[in-house]
Structure formats: C-alpha cells, structure tokens
PDB file of all heavy atoms in Angstrom:
ATOM      1  N   PRO A   1      18.973  12.499  -2.188  1.00  0.00           N
ATOM      2  CA  PRO A   1      18.150  11.308  -2.370  1.00  0.00           C
ATOM      3  C   PRO A   1      18.996  10.016  -2.068  1.00  0.00           C
ATOM      4  O   PRO A   1      20.163   9.977  -2.402  1.00  0.00           O
ATOM      5  CB  PRO A   1      17.701  11.378  -3.852  1.00  0.00           C
ATOM      6  CG  PRO A   1      17.878  12.774  -4.219  1.00  0.00           C
ATOM      7  CD  PRO A   1      19.000  13.315  -3.371  1.00  0.00           C
ATOM      8  N   TYR A   2      18.371   9.083  -1.567  1.00  0.00           N
ATOM      9  CA  TYR A   2      19.029   7.755  -1.407  1.00  0.00           C
ATOM     10  C   TYR A   2      19.229   7.032  -2.721  1.00  0.00           C
ATOM     11  O   TYR A   2      18.309   7.250  -3.651  1.00  0.00           O
ATOM     12  CB  TYR A   2      18.129   6.780  -0.539  1.00  0.00           C
ATOM     13  CG  TYR A   2      18.423   6.993   0.991  1.00  0.00           C
ATOM     14  CD1 TYR A   2      17.638   7.592   1.747  1.00  0.00           C
ATOM     15  CD2 TYR A   2      19.563   6.378   1.526  1.00  0.00           C
ATOM     16  CE1 TYR A   2      17.808   7.748   3.178  1.00  0.00           C
ATOM     17  CE2 TYR A   2      19.846   6.487   2.876  1.00  0.00           C
ATOM     18  CZ  TYR A   2      19.012   7.147   3.726  1.00  0.00           C
ATOM     19  OH  TYR A   2      19.298   7.168   5.046  1.00  0.00           O
ATOM     20  N   ALA A   3      20.201   6.227  -2.896  1.00  0.00           N
ATOM     21  CA  ALA A   3      20.419   5.401  -4.007  1.00  0.00           C
ATOM     22  C   ALA A   3      20.387   3.949  -3.468  1.00  0.00           C
ATOM     23  O   ALA A   3      20.740   3.691  -2.370  1.00  0.00           O
ATOM     24  CB  ALA A   3      21.719   5.757  -4.789  1.00  0.00           C
ATOM     25  N   LEU A   4      20.137   2.972  -4.354  1.00  0.00           N
ATOM     26  CA  LEU A   4      20.109   1.575  -3.954  1.00  0.00           C
ATOM     27  C   LEU A   4      21.382   1.172  -3.352  1.00  0.00           C
ATOM     28  O   LEU A   4      21.527   0.352  -2.510  1.00  0.00           O
ATOM     29  CB  LEU A   4      19.697   0.719  -5.089  1.00  0.00           C
ATOM     30  CG  LEU A   4      18.103   0.781  -5.433  1.00  0.00           C
ATOM     31  CD1 LEU A   4      17.842  -0.114  -6.609  1.00  0.00           C
ATOM     32  CD2 LEU A   4      17.367   0.410  -4.222  1.00  0.00           C
ATOM     33  N   ILE A   5      22.523   1.779  -3.750  1.00  0.00           N
ATOM     34  CA  ILE A   5      23.907   1.458  -3.296  1.00  0.00           C
ATOM     35  C   ILE A   5      23.987   1.800  -1.759  1.00  0.00           C
ATOM     36  O   ILE A   5      24.798   1.224  -1.100  1.00  0.00           O
ATOM     37  CB  ILE A   5      24.914   2.136  -4.062  1.00  0.00           C
ATOM     38  CG1 ILE A   5      26.307   1.457  -3.850  1.00  0.00           C
ATOM     39  CG2 ILE A   5      24.940   3.680  -3.741  1.00  0.00           C
ATOM     40  CD1 ILE A   5      27.392   1.853  -4.799  1.00  0.00           C
ATOM     41  N   ASP A   6      23.057   2.652  -1.219  1.00  0.00           N
ATOM     42  CA  ASP A   6      23.130   2.945   0.144  1.00  0.00           C
ATOM     43  C   ASP A   6      22.405   1.887   1.041  1.00  0.00           C
ATOM     44  O   ASP A   6      22.418   2.048   2.208  1.00  0.00           O
ATOM     45  CB  ASP A   6      22.390   4.334   0.425  1.00  0.00           C
ATOM     46  CG  ASP A   6      23.010   5.489  -0.380  1.00  0.00           C
ATOM     47  OD1 ASP A   6      24.325   5.551  -0.396  1.00  0.00           O
ATOM     48  OD2 ASP A   6      22.292   6.251  -0.915  1.00  0.00           O
ATOM     49  N   ALA A   7      21.835   0.930   0.428  1.00  0.00           N
ATOM     50  CA  ALA A   7      20.986  -0.025   1.248  1.00  0.00           C
ATOM     51  C   ALA A   7      21.739  -0.852   2.342  1.00  0.00           C
ATOM     52  O   ALA A   7      21.194  -0.878   3.408  1.00  0.00           O
ATOM     53  CB  ALA A   7      20.354  -1.027   0.235  1.00  0.00           C
ATOM     54  N   ALA A   8      22.959  -1.154   2.073  1.00  0.00           N
ATOM     55  CA  ALA A   8      23.686  -1.911   3.070  1.00  0.00           C
ATOM     56  C   ALA A   8      23.966  -1.062   4.313  1.00  0.00           C
ATOM     57  O   ALA A   8      23.863  -1.417   5.485  1.00  0.00           O
ATOM     58  CB  ALA A   8      24.949  -2.420   2.456  1.00  0.00           C
ATOM     59  N   VAL A   9      24.343   0.233   4.045  1.00  0.00           N
ATOM     60  CA  VAL A   9      24.594   1.145   5.192  1.00  0.00           C
ATOM     61  C   VAL A   9      23.369   1.481   6.017  1.00  0.00           C
ATOM     62  O   VAL A   9      23.328   1.577   7.207  1.00  0.00           O
ATOM     63  CB  VAL A   9      25.425   2.410   4.784  1.00  0.00           C
ATOM     64  CG1 VAL A   9      24.597   3.404   4.048  1.00  0.00           C
ATOM     65  CG2 VAL A   9      26.049   3.085   6.039  1.00  0.00           C
ATOM     66  N   VAL A  10      22.204   1.569   5.251  1.00  0.00           N
ATOM     67  CA  VAL A  10      20.883   1.815   5.949  1.00  0.00           C
ATOM     68  C   VAL A  10      20.631   0.585   6.847  1.00  0.00           C
ATOM     69  O   VAL A  10      20.213   0.788   8.003  1.00  0.00           O
ATOM     70  CB  VAL A  10      19.780   2.008   4.923  1.00  0.00           C
ATOM     71  CG1 VAL A  10      18.391   1.937   5.664  1.00  0.00           C
ATOM     72  CG2 VAL A  10      19.890   3.298   4.245  1.00  0.00           C
ATOM     73  N   GLN A  11      20.775  -0.618   6.317  1.00  0.00           N
ATOM     74  CA  GLN A  11      20.423  -1.768   7.136  1.00  0.00           C
ATOM     75  C   GLN A  11      21.377  -1.852   8.323  1.00  0.00           C
ATOM     76  O   GLN A  11      20.981  -2.170   9.463  1.00  0.00           O
ATOM     77  CB  GLN A  11      20.637  -3.056   6.263  1.00  0.00           C
ATOM     78  CG  GLN A  11      20.257  -4.323   6.996  1.00  0.00           C
ATOM     79  CD  GLN A  11      20.400  -5.523   6.065  1.00  0.00           C
ATOM     80  OE1 GLN A  11      20.745  -5.448   4.938  1.00  0.00           O
ATOM     81  NE2 GLN A  11      20.088  -6.654   6.634  1.00  0.00           N
ATOM     82  N   ARG A  12      22.657  -1.561   8.135  1.00  0.00           N
ATOM     83  CA  ARG A  12      23.640  -1.555   9.253  1.00  0.00           C
ATOM     84  C   ARG A  12      23.419  -0.534  10.289  1.00  0.00           C
ATOM     85  O   ARG A  12      23.302  -0.842  11.467  1.00  0.00           O
ATOM     86  CB  ARG A  12      25.033  -1.461   8.673  1.00  0.00           C
ATOM     87  CG  ARG A  12      26.146  -1.485   9.758  1.00  0.00           C
ATOM     88  CD  ARG A  12      27.552  -1.452   9.134  1.00  0.00           C
ATOM     89  NE  ARG A  12      27.762  -0.475   8.155  1.00  0.00           N
ATOM     90  CZ  ARG A  12      28.051   0.829   8.369  1.00  0.00           C
ATOM     91  NH1 ARG A  12      28.152   1.307   9.687  1.00  0.00           N
ATOM     92  NH2 ARG A  12      28.181   1.719   7.416  1.00  0.00           N
ATOM     93  N   LEU A  13      23.089   0.648   9.829  1.00  0.00           N
ATOM     94  CA  LEU A  13      22.845   1.799  10.856  1.00  0.00           C
ATOM     95  C   LEU A  13      21.545   1.727  11.545  1.00  0.00           C
ATOM     96  O   LEU A  13      21.407   1.977  12.774  1.00  0.00           O
ATOM     97  CB  LEU A  13      23.039   3.145  10.196  1.00  0.00           C
ATOM     98  CG  LEU A  13      24.461   3.480   9.729  1.00  0.00           C
ATOM     99  CD1 LEU A  13      24.440   4.863   8.964  1.00  0.00           C
ATOM    100  CD2 LEU A  13      25.426   3.553  10.835  1.00  0.00           C
ATOM    101  N   ALA A  14      20.461   1.546  10.737  1.00  0.00           N
ATOM    102  CA  ALA A  14      19.158   1.576  11.359  1.00  0.00           C
ATOM    103  C   ALA A  14      18.724   0.334  12.003  1.00  0.00           C
ATOM    104  O   ALA A  14      17.806   0.395  12.919  1.00  0.00           O
ATOM    105  CB  ALA A  14      18.110   1.869  10.124  1.00  0.00           C
ATOM    106  N   GLY A  15      19.349  -0.768  11.641  1.00  0.00           N
ATOM    107  CA  GLY A  15      18.929  -2.064  12.210  1.00  0.00           C
ATOM    108  C   GLY A  15      19.393  -2.314  13.581  1.00  0.00           C
ATOM    109  O   GLY A  15      18.968  -3.316  14.263  1.00  0.00           O
ATOM    110  N   VAL A  16      20.310  -1.515  14.206  1.00  0.00           N
ATOM    111  CA  VAL A  16      20.829  -1.827  15.571  1.00  0.00           C
ATOM    112  C   VAL A  16      19.766  -1.517  16.536  1.00  0.00           C
ATOM    113  O   VAL A  16      18.944  -0.529  16.330  1.00  0.00           O
ATOM    114  CB  VAL A  16      22.126  -1.080  15.831  1.00  0.00           C
ATOM    115  CG1 VAL A  16      23.209  -1.578  14.911  1.00  0.00           C
ATOM    116  CG2 VAL A  16      21.969   0.377  15.829  1.00  0.00           C
ATOM    117  N   PRO A  17      19.642  -2.161  17.585  1.00  0.00           N
ATOM    118  CA  PRO A  17      18.651  -1.921  18.611  1.00  0.00           C
ATOM    119  C   PRO A  17      18.577  -0.394  19.157  1.00  0.00           C
ATOM    120  O   PRO A  17      17.496   0.029  19.357  1.00  0.00           O
ATOM    121  CB  PRO A  17      18.973  -2.798  19.792  1.00  0.00           C
ATOM    122  CG  PRO A  17      19.813  -3.950  19.139  1.00  0.00           C
ATOM    123  CD  PRO A  17      20.526  -3.301  18.028  1.00  0.00           C
ATOM    124  N   GLU A  18      19.672   0.139  19.317  1.00  0.00           N
ATOM    125  CA  GLU A  18      19.773   1.500  19.900  1.00  0.00           C
ATOM    126  C   GLU A  18      18.952   2.512  18.965  1.00  0.00           C
ATOM    127  O   GLU A  18      18.357   3.472  19.328  1.00  0.00           O
ATOM    128  CB  GLU A  18      21.185   2.040  19.931  1.00  0.00           C
ATOM    129  CG  GLU A  18      22.044   1.390  20.920  1.00  0.00           C
ATOM    130  CD  GLU A  18      22.756   0.094  20.438  1.00  0.00           C
ATOM    131  OE1 GLU A  18      22.392  -0.388  19.313  1.00  0.00           O
ATOM    132  OE2 GLU A  18      23.516  -0.442  21.150  1.00  0.00           O
ATOM    133  N   VAL A  19      18.935   2.266  17.682  1.00  0.00           N
ATOM    134  CA  VAL A  19      18.206   3.121  16.763  1.00  0.00           C
ATOM    135  C   VAL A  19      16.823   2.524  16.467  1.00  0.00           C
ATOM    136  O   VAL A  19      15.798   3.298  16.646  1.00  0.00           O
ATOM    137  CB  VAL A  19      18.988   3.249  15.335  1.00  0.00           C
ATOM    138  CG1 VAL A  19      18.117   4.003  14.319  1.00  0.00           C
ATOM    139  CG2 VAL A  19      20.280   3.931  15.480  1.00  0.00           C
ATOM    140  N   ALA A  20      16.703   1.294  16.096  1.00  0.00           N
ATOM    141  CA  ALA A  20      15.349   0.687  15.769  1.00  0.00           C
ATOM    142  C   ALA A  20      14.415   0.773  16.768  1.00  0.00           C
ATOM    143  O   ALA A  20      13.147   1.064  16.597  1.00  0.00           O
ATOM    144  CB  ALA A  20      15.580  -0.656  15.167  1.00  0.00           C
ATOM    145  N   LEU A  21      14.823   0.490  18.054  1.00  0.00           N
ATOM    146  CA  LEU A  21      13.825   0.416  19.172  1.00  0.00           C
ATOM    147  C   LEU A  21      13.381   1.752  19.719  1.00  0.00           C
ATOM    148  O   LEU A  21      12.472   1.776  20.594  1.00  0.00           O
ATOM    149  CB  LEU A  21      14.470  -0.391  20.275  1.00  0.00           C
ATOM    150  CG  LEU A  21      14.749  -1.883  19.825  1.00  0.00           C
ATOM    151  CD1 LEU A  21      15.342  -2.696  21.030  1.00  0.00           C
ATOM    152  CD2 LEU A  21      13.557  -2.599  19.208  1.00  0.00           C
ATOM    153  N   THR A  22      13.904   2.825  19.148  1.00  0.00           N
ATOM    154  CA  THR A  22      13.447   4.206  19.604  1.00  0.00           C
ATOM    155  C   THR A  22      12.484   4.865  18.551  1.00  0.00           C
ATOM    156  O   THR A  22      12.140   5.969  18.670  1.00  0.00           O
ATOM    157  CB  THR A  22      14.649   5.186  19.763  1.00  0.00           C
ATOM    158  OG1 THR A  22      15.315   5.274  18.584  1.00  0.00           O
ATOM    159  CG2 THR A  22      15.522   4.679  20.976  1.00  0.00           C
ATOM    160  N   THR A  23      12.075   3.951  17.515  1.00  0.00           N
ATOM    161  CA  THR A  23      11.139   4.503  16.489  1.00  0.00           C
ATOM    162  C   THR A  23      10.033   3.484  16.343  1.00  0.00           C
ATOM    163  O   THR A  23      10.065   2.383  16.785  1.00  0.00           O
ATOM    164  CB  THR A  23      11.823   4.541  15.081  1.00  0.00           C
ATOM    165  OG1 THR A  23      12.058   3.223  14.681  1.00  0.00           O
ATOM    166  CG2 THR A  23      13.124   5.388  15.250  1.00  0.00           C
ATOM    167  N   LYS A  24       8.870   3.939  15.714  1.00  0.00           N
ATOM    168  CA  LYS A  24       7.807   3.101  15.478  1.00  0.00           C
ATOM    169  C   LYS A  24       7.876   2.394  14.107  1.00  0.00           C
ATOM    170  O   LYS A  24       7.322   1.432  13.906  1.00  0.00           O
ATOM    171  CB  LYS A  24       6.515   3.846  15.576  1.00  0.00           C
ATOM    172  CG  LYS A  24       6.317   4.844  14.495  1.00  0.00           C
ATOM    173  CD  LYS A  24       4.885   5.510  14.632  1.00  0.00           C
ATOM    174  CE  LYS A  24       4.628   6.565  13.545  1.00  0.00           C
ATOM    175  NZ  LYS A  24       4.764   6.235  12.213  1.00  0.00           N
ATOM    176  N   SER A  25       8.664   2.952  13.279  1.00  0.00           N
ATOM    177  CA  SER A  25       8.675   2.471  11.941  1.00  0.00           C
ATOM    178  C   SER A  25       9.912   1.705  11.417  1.00  0.00           C
ATOM    179  O   SER A  25       9.893   1.007  10.319  1.00  0.00           O
ATOM    180  CB  SER A  25       8.444   3.633  10.909  1.00  0.00           C
ATOM    181  OG  SER A  25       9.594   4.537  11.107  1.00  0.00           O
ATOM    182  N   ILE A  26      10.986   1.669  12.169  1.00  0.00           N
ATOM    183  CA  ILE A  26      12.139   0.929  11.725  1.00  0.00           C
ATOM    184  C   ILE A  26      12.040  -0.460  12.197  1.00  0.00           C
ATOM    185  O   ILE A  26      11.986  -0.672  13.450  1.00  0.00           O
ATOM    186  CB  ILE A  26      13.488   1.611  12.221  1.00  0.00           C
ATOM    187  CG1 ILE A  26      13.599   2.965  11.521  1.00  0.00           C
ATOM    188  CG2 ILE A  26      14.648   0.694  11.882  1.00  0.00           C
ATOM    189  CD1 ILE A  26      14.839   3.699  12.060  1.00  0.00           C
ATOM    190  N   PRO A  27      12.039  -1.460  11.336  1.00  0.00           N
ATOM    191  CA  PRO A  27      11.963  -2.801  11.772  1.00  0.00           C
ATOM    192  C   PRO A  27      13.220  -3.368  12.536  1.00  0.00           C
ATOM    193  O   PRO A  27      14.262  -2.846  12.284  1.00  0.00           O
ATOM    194  CB  PRO A  27      11.778  -3.632  10.515  1.00  0.00           C
ATOM    195  CG  PRO A  27      12.309  -2.793   9.449  1.00  0.00           C
ATOM    196  CD  PRO A  27      12.254  -1.307   9.878  1.00  0.00           C
ATOM    197  N   HIS A  28      12.983  -4.325  13.432  1.00  0.00           N
ATOM    198  CA  HIS A  28      14.088  -4.964  14.109  1.00  0.00           C
ATOM    199  C   HIS A  28      13.679  -6.397  14.395  1.00  0.00           C
ATOM    200  O   HIS A  28      12.601  -6.638  14.979  1.00  0.00           O
ATOM    201  CB  HIS A  28      14.364  -4.319  15.453  1.00  0.00           C
ATOM    202  CG  HIS A  28      15.591  -4.888  16.076  1.00  0.00           C
ATOM    203  ND1 HIS A  28      16.847  -4.651  15.547  1.00  0.00           N
ATOM    204  CD2 HIS A  28      15.785  -5.761  17.074  1.00  0.00           C
ATOM    205  CE1 HIS A  28      17.767  -5.259  16.425  1.00  0.00           C
ATOM    206  NE2 HIS A  28      17.003  -5.892  17.333  1.00  0.00           N
ATOM    207  N   PRO A  29      14.307  -7.358  13.762  1.00  0.00           N
ATOM    208  CA  PRO A  29      15.568  -7.146  13.033  1.00  0.00           C
ATOM    209  C   PRO A  29      15.296  -6.530  11.678  1.00  0.00           C
ATOM    210  O   PRO A  29      14.283  -6.723  11.155  1.00  0.00           O
ATOM    211  CB  PRO A  29      16.156  -8.639  12.973  1.00  0.00           C
ATOM    212  CG  PRO A  29      15.001  -9.509  13.147  1.00  0.00           C
ATOM    213  CD  PRO A  29      14.025  -8.777  13.982  1.00  0.00           C
ATOM    214  N   TYR A  30      16.265  -5.995  11.083  1.00  0.00           N
ATOM    215  CA  TYR A  30      16.309  -5.309   9.818  1.00  0.00           C
ATOM    216  C   TYR A  30      16.739  -6.369   8.837  1.00  0.00           C
ATOM    217  O   TYR A  30      17.971  -6.543   8.644  1.00  0.00           O
ATOM    218  CB  TYR A  30      17.092  -4.082   9.791  1.00  0.00           C
ATOM    219  CG  TYR A  30      16.686  -3.002   8.826  1.00  0.00           C
ATOM    220  CD1 TYR A  30      16.146  -1.804   9.280  1.00  0.00           C
ATOM    221  CD2 TYR A  30      16.707  -3.221   7.502  1.00  0.00           C
ATOM    222  CE1 TYR A  30      15.735  -0.778   8.430  1.00  0.00           C
ATOM    223  CE2 TYR A  30      16.338  -2.223   6.550  1.00  0.00           C
ATOM    224  CZ  TYR A  30      15.824  -1.069   7.015  1.00  0.00           C
ATOM    225  OH  TYR A  30      15.408  -0.089   6.161  1.00  0.00           O
ATOM    226  N   GLU A  31      15.812  -6.941   8.118  1.00  0.00           N
ATOM    227  CA  GLU A  31      16.164  -8.077   7.254  1.00  0.00           C
ATOM    228  C   GLU A  31      16.721  -7.668   5.873  1.00  0.00           C
ATOM    229  O   GLU A  31      16.478  -6.523   5.463  1.00  0.00           O
ATOM    230  CB  GLU A  31      14.950  -8.987   6.966  1.00  0.00           C
ATOM    231  CG  GLU A  31      14.135  -9.451   8.213  1.00  0.00           C
ATOM    232  CD  GLU A  31      14.883 -10.563   8.913  1.00  0.00           C
ATOM    233  OE1 GLU A  31      15.723 -11.254   8.307  1.00  0.00           O
ATOM    234  OE2 GLU A  31      14.588 -10.778  10.085  1.00  0.00           O
ATOM    235  N   ASP A  32      17.478  -8.589   5.326  1.00  0.00           N
ATOM    236  CA  ASP A  32      18.044  -8.317   3.933  1.00  0.00           C
ATOM    237  C   ASP A  32      16.854  -7.931   3.002  1.00  0.00           C
ATOM    238  O   ASP A  32      15.746  -8.560   3.070  1.00  0.00           O
ATOM    239  CB  ASP A  32      18.746  -9.551   3.436  1.00  0.00           C
ATOM    240  CG  ASP A  32      20.029  -9.750   4.051  1.00  0.00           C
ATOM    241  OD1 ASP A  32      20.517  -8.839   4.819  1.00  0.00           O
ATOM    242  OD2 ASP A  32      20.664 -10.825   3.898  1.00  0.00           O
ATOM    243  N   GLY A  33      17.030  -6.967   2.149  1.00  0.00           N
ATOM    244  CA  GLY A  33      16.065  -6.498   1.220  1.00  0.00           C
ATOM    245  C   GLY A  33      15.191  -5.390   1.643  1.00  0.00           C
ATOM    246  O   GLY A  33      14.476  -4.778   0.846  1.00  0.00           O
ATOM    247  N   MET A  34      15.113  -5.224   2.952  1.00  0.00           N
ATOM    248  CA  MET A  34      14.094  -4.261   3.483  1.00  0.00           C
ATOM    249  C   MET A  34      14.498  -2.797   3.157  1.00  0.00           C
ATOM    250  O   MET A  34      13.745  -1.950   2.835  1.00  0.00           O
ATOM    251  CB  MET A  34      14.002  -4.318   4.996  1.00  0.00           C
ATOM    252  CG  MET A  34      13.155  -5.517   5.468  1.00  0.00           C
ATOM    253  SD  MET A  34      13.147  -5.502   7.302  1.00  0.00           S
ATOM    254  CE  MET A  34      11.878  -6.722   7.534  1.00  0.00           C
ATOM    255  N   ALA A  35      15.856  -2.529   3.208  1.00  0.00           N
ATOM    256  CA  ALA A  35      16.372  -1.267   2.839  1.00  0.00           C
ATOM    257  C   ALA A  35      16.122  -0.914   1.359  1.00  0.00           C
ATOM    258  O   ALA A  35      15.746   0.166   1.026  1.00  0.00           O
ATOM    259  CB  ALA A  35      17.880  -1.152   3.201  1.00  0.00           C
ATOM    260  N   GLU A  36      16.356  -1.963   0.534  1.00  0.00           N
ATOM    261  CA  GLU A  36      16.213  -1.661  -0.942  1.00  0.00           C
ATOM    262  C   GLU A  36      14.727  -1.325  -1.257  1.00  0.00           C
ATOM    263  O   GLU A  36      14.372  -0.427  -1.992  1.00  0.00           O
ATOM    264  CB  GLU A  36      16.616  -2.901  -1.730  1.00  0.00           C
ATOM    265  CG  GLU A  36      18.145  -3.151  -1.775  1.00  0.00           C
ATOM    266  CD  GLU A  36      18.631  -3.946  -0.570  1.00  0.00           C
ATOM    267  OE1 GLU A  36      17.868  -4.163   0.421  1.00  0.00           O
ATOM    268  OE2 GLU A  36      19.843  -4.363  -0.598  1.00  0.00           O
ATOM    269  N   GLU A  37      13.854  -2.121  -0.544  1.00  0.00           N
ATOM    270  CA  GLU A  37      12.401  -1.885  -0.734  1.00  0.00           C
ATOM    271  C   GLU A  37      12.014  -0.498  -0.281  1.00  0.00           C
ATOM    272  O   GLU A  37      11.329   0.255  -0.918  1.00  0.00           O
ATOM    273  CB  GLU A  37      11.511  -3.003  -0.020  1.00  0.00           C
ATOM    274  CG  GLU A  37      10.135  -2.837  -0.167  1.00  0.00           C
ATOM    275  CD  GLU A  37       9.330  -3.984   0.586  1.00  0.00           C
ATOM    276  OE1 GLU A  37       9.883  -5.025   0.789  1.00  0.00           O
ATOM    277  OE2 GLU A  37       8.132  -3.670   0.956  1.00  0.00           O
ATOM    278  N   TRP A  38      12.516  -0.102   0.824  1.00  0.00           N
ATOM    279  CA  TRP A  38      12.211   1.240   1.433  1.00  0.00           C
ATOM    280  C   TRP A  38      12.775   2.391   0.543  1.00  0.00           C
ATOM    281  O   TRP A  38      12.038   3.267   0.174  1.00  0.00           O
ATOM    282  CB  TRP A  38      12.830   1.215   2.871  1.00  0.00           C
ATOM    283  CG  TRP A  38      12.675   2.643   3.498  1.00  0.00           C
ATOM    284  CD1 TRP A  38      11.560   3.239   3.955  1.00  0.00           C
ATOM    285  CD2 TRP A  38      13.714   3.501   3.818  1.00  0.00           C
ATOM    286  NE1 TRP A  38      11.881   4.449   4.579  1.00  0.00           N
ATOM    287  CE2 TRP A  38      13.306   4.704   4.463  1.00  0.00           C
ATOM    288  CE3 TRP A  38      15.162   3.535   3.588  1.00  0.00           C
ATOM    289  CZ2 TRP A  38      13.935   5.704   4.870  1.00  0.00           C
ATOM    290  CZ3 TRP A  38      15.911   4.546   3.949  1.00  0.00           C
ATOM    291  CH2 TRP A  38      15.308   5.681   4.640  1.00  0.00           C
ATOM    292  N   ILE A  39      13.962   2.235   0.079  1.00  0.00           N
ATOM    293  CA  ILE A  39      14.536   3.235  -0.830  1.00  0.00           C
ATOM    294  C   ILE A  39      13.801   3.304  -2.099  1.00  0.00           C
ATOM    295  O   ILE A  39      13.528   4.454  -2.685  1.00  0.00           O
ATOM    296  CB  ILE A  39      16.035   2.915  -1.077  1.00  0.00           C
ATOM    297  CG1 ILE A  39      16.851   3.124   0.185  1.00  0.00           C
ATOM    298  CG2 ILE A  39      16.667   3.753  -2.297  1.00  0.00           C
ATOM    299  CD1 ILE A  39      18.316   2.568   0.179  1.00  0.00           C
ATOM    300  N   SER A  40      13.302   2.246  -2.559  1.00  0.00           N
ATOM    301  CA  SER A  40      12.584   2.318  -3.919  1.00  0.00           C
ATOM    302  C   SER A  40      11.263   2.989  -3.839  1.00  0.00           C
ATOM    303  O   SER A  40      10.710   3.284  -4.892  1.00  0.00           O
ATOM    304  CB  SER A  40      12.383   0.802  -4.354  1.00  0.00           C
ATOM    305  OG  SER A  40      11.370   0.094  -3.625  1.00  0.00           O
ATOM    306  N   THR A  41      10.747   3.387  -2.620  1.00  0.00           N
ATOM    307  CA  THR A  41       9.489   4.089  -2.474  1.00  0.00           C
ATOM    308  C   THR A  41       9.601   5.541  -2.540  1.00  0.00           C
ATOM    309  O   THR A  41       8.648   6.321  -2.634  1.00  0.00           O
ATOM    310  CB  THR A  41       8.840   3.726  -1.179  1.00  0.00           C
ATOM    311  OG1 THR A  41       9.557   4.094  -0.088  1.00  0.00           O
ATOM    312  CG2 THR A  41       8.562   2.177  -1.115  1.00  0.00           C
ATOM    313  N   HIS A  42      10.817   6.043  -2.284  1.00  0.00           N
ATOM    314  CA  HIS A  42      11.075   7.549  -2.071  1.00  0.00           C
ATOM    315  C   HIS A  42      10.608   8.423  -3.227  1.00  0.00           C
ATOM    316  O   HIS A  42       9.972   9.362  -3.020  1.00  0.00           O
ATOM    317  CB  HIS A  42      12.494   7.713  -1.651  1.00  0.00           C
ATOM    318  CG  HIS A  42      12.840   7.065  -0.434  1.00  0.00           C
ATOM    319  ND1 HIS A  42      14.198   7.109   0.089  1.00  0.00           N
ATOM    320  CD2 HIS A  42      12.153   6.508   0.613  1.00  0.00           C
ATOM    321  CE1 HIS A  42      14.317   6.478   1.223  1.00  0.00           C
ATOM    322  NE2 HIS A  42      13.043   6.073   1.527  1.00  0.00           N
TER     323      HIS A  42
END
C-alpha cells in the first residue's frame, strides 16, 4: 500500500511527460497535493 510519505516520489515519477502523456488518468502537470489526494483514496 502507498503511504502519504510516498507522495513526493509519485509526483516526481508520474508527472514527467514520458509517463503522464501515455495514460488517460495521470495529470500533467502533476500539481502539488495531487499525489496526497490520490493516495488518500486507496
């Protein structure tokens, strides 16, 4: 399971164009707070 402490790495890894632009659901740009919000739903 993800922990909130993982949010910064999620934002860094998922938010780059190479990753985000190959999916329908990863936002780009990946704004501050988005990863924490996403993790909190799991």
